[in-house]
């Protein structure tokens, strides 16, 4: 895909009424800290921990990914 095509796709997904983007909640710092510690996340894994923290903070229990590093976050079903 070209950049223009890819951005058009992303915009169409985000414009869908069934999409609910997740963001940081009031307790994100607590979730982030516990996720980093529980997953022993260091370096680049800290970004995975941040994604896991946002998911868990919003009650998301499953993630579909090919990134095997998410298996370290036991609260998520990968």
Protein backbone atom coordinates (compact mmCIF):
# COMPACT_ATOMS: atom_id res chain seq x y z
CA UNK A 1 0.00 0.00 0.00
CA UNK A 2 1.06 3.55 -0.53
CA UNK A 3 1.18 5.87 2.47
CA UNK A 4 -1.92 7.64 1.15
CA UNK A 5 -3.84 4.35 0.84
CA UNK A 6 -2.74 3.20 4.28
CA UNK A 7 -3.77 6.47 5.93
CA UNK A 8 -7.12 6.30 4.14
CA UNK A 9 -7.67 2.83 5.56
CA UNK A 10 -6.74 3.93 9.09
CA UNK A 11 -9.07 6.92 8.84
CA UNK A 12 -11.94 4.74 7.64
CA UNK A 13 -11.45 2.35 10.55
CA UNK A 14 -11.30 5.19 13.09
CA UNK A 15 -14.42 6.79 11.57
CA UNK A 16 -16.43 3.60 12.14
CA UNK A 17 -19.13 4.01 14.82
CA UNK A 18 -18.16 0.63 16.28
CA UNK A 19 -14.55 1.70 17.02
CA UNK A 20 -13.74 2.87 20.52
CA UNK A 21 -10.11 4.00 20.79
CA UNK A 22 -8.54 3.30 24.16
CA UNK A 23 -6.37 5.79 26.01
CA UNK A 24 -4.84 6.41 29.39
CA UNK A 25 -7.31 6.36 32.26
CA UNK A 26 -7.05 7.87 35.72
CA UNK A 27 -5.10 4.91 37.10
CA UNK A 28 -2.79 4.42 34.11
CA UNK A 29 0.35 5.05 36.14
CA UNK A 30 -0.59 2.27 38.58
CA UNK A 31 -1.45 -0.14 35.74
CA UNK A 32 1.76 0.72 33.90
CA UNK A 33 3.94 0.19 36.97
CA UNK A 34 2.34 -3.16 37.86
CA UNK A 35 2.49 -4.36 34.24
CA UNK A 36 6.18 -3.48 33.85
CA UNK A 37 7.05 -5.21 37.12
CA UNK A 38 4.89 -8.31 36.50
CA UNK A 39 6.21 -8.70 32.95
CA UNK A 40 9.81 -7.84 33.88
CA UNK A 41 9.64 -5.44 30.92
CA UNK A 42 12.82 -3.54 30.08
CA UNK A 43 13.95 -1.56 27.08
CA UNK A 44 11.68 -2.02 24.06
CA UNK A 45 9.42 -4.33 26.09
CA UNK A 46 8.28 -1.30 28.11
CA UNK A 47 6.18 -0.21 25.11
CA UNK A 48 4.52 -3.64 25.04
CA UNK A 49 3.87 -3.22 28.77
CA UNK A 50 2.23 0.13 28.10
CA UNK A 51 -0.08 -1.43 25.50
CA UNK A 52 -0.89 -4.26 27.92
CA UNK A 53 -1.56 -1.75 30.71
CA UNK A 54 -4.02 0.23 28.57
CA UNK A 55 -5.81 -2.97 27.56
CA UNK A 56 -6.11 -4.24 31.12
CA UNK A 57 -7.13 -0.82 32.43
CA UNK A 58 -10.10 -0.93 30.04
CA UNK A 59 -11.02 -4.53 30.85
CA UNK A 60 -9.68 -6.03 27.62
CA UNK A 61 -8.62 -9.61 28.35
CA UNK A 62 -7.45 -10.80 24.90
CA UNK A 63 -5.01 -9.50 22.30
CA UNK A 64 -4.52 -10.86 18.80
CA UNK A 65 -0.86 -10.41 17.88
CA UNK A 66 2.10 -12.25 16.43
CA UNK A 67 4.34 -10.57 19.00
CA UNK A 68 5.24 -13.38 21.40
CA UNK A 69 6.48 -10.89 23.99
CA UNK A 70 2.89 -10.33 25.10
CA UNK A 71 2.88 -13.81 26.66
CA UNK A 72 4.85 -12.33 29.55
CA UNK A 73 1.74 -10.40 30.63
CA UNK A 74 -0.20 -13.21 32.30
CA UNK A 75 -3.39 -11.17 32.68
CA UNK A 76 -3.79 -11.15 28.88
CA UNK A 77 -4.81 -14.05 26.69
CA UNK A 78 -2.66 -13.86 23.57
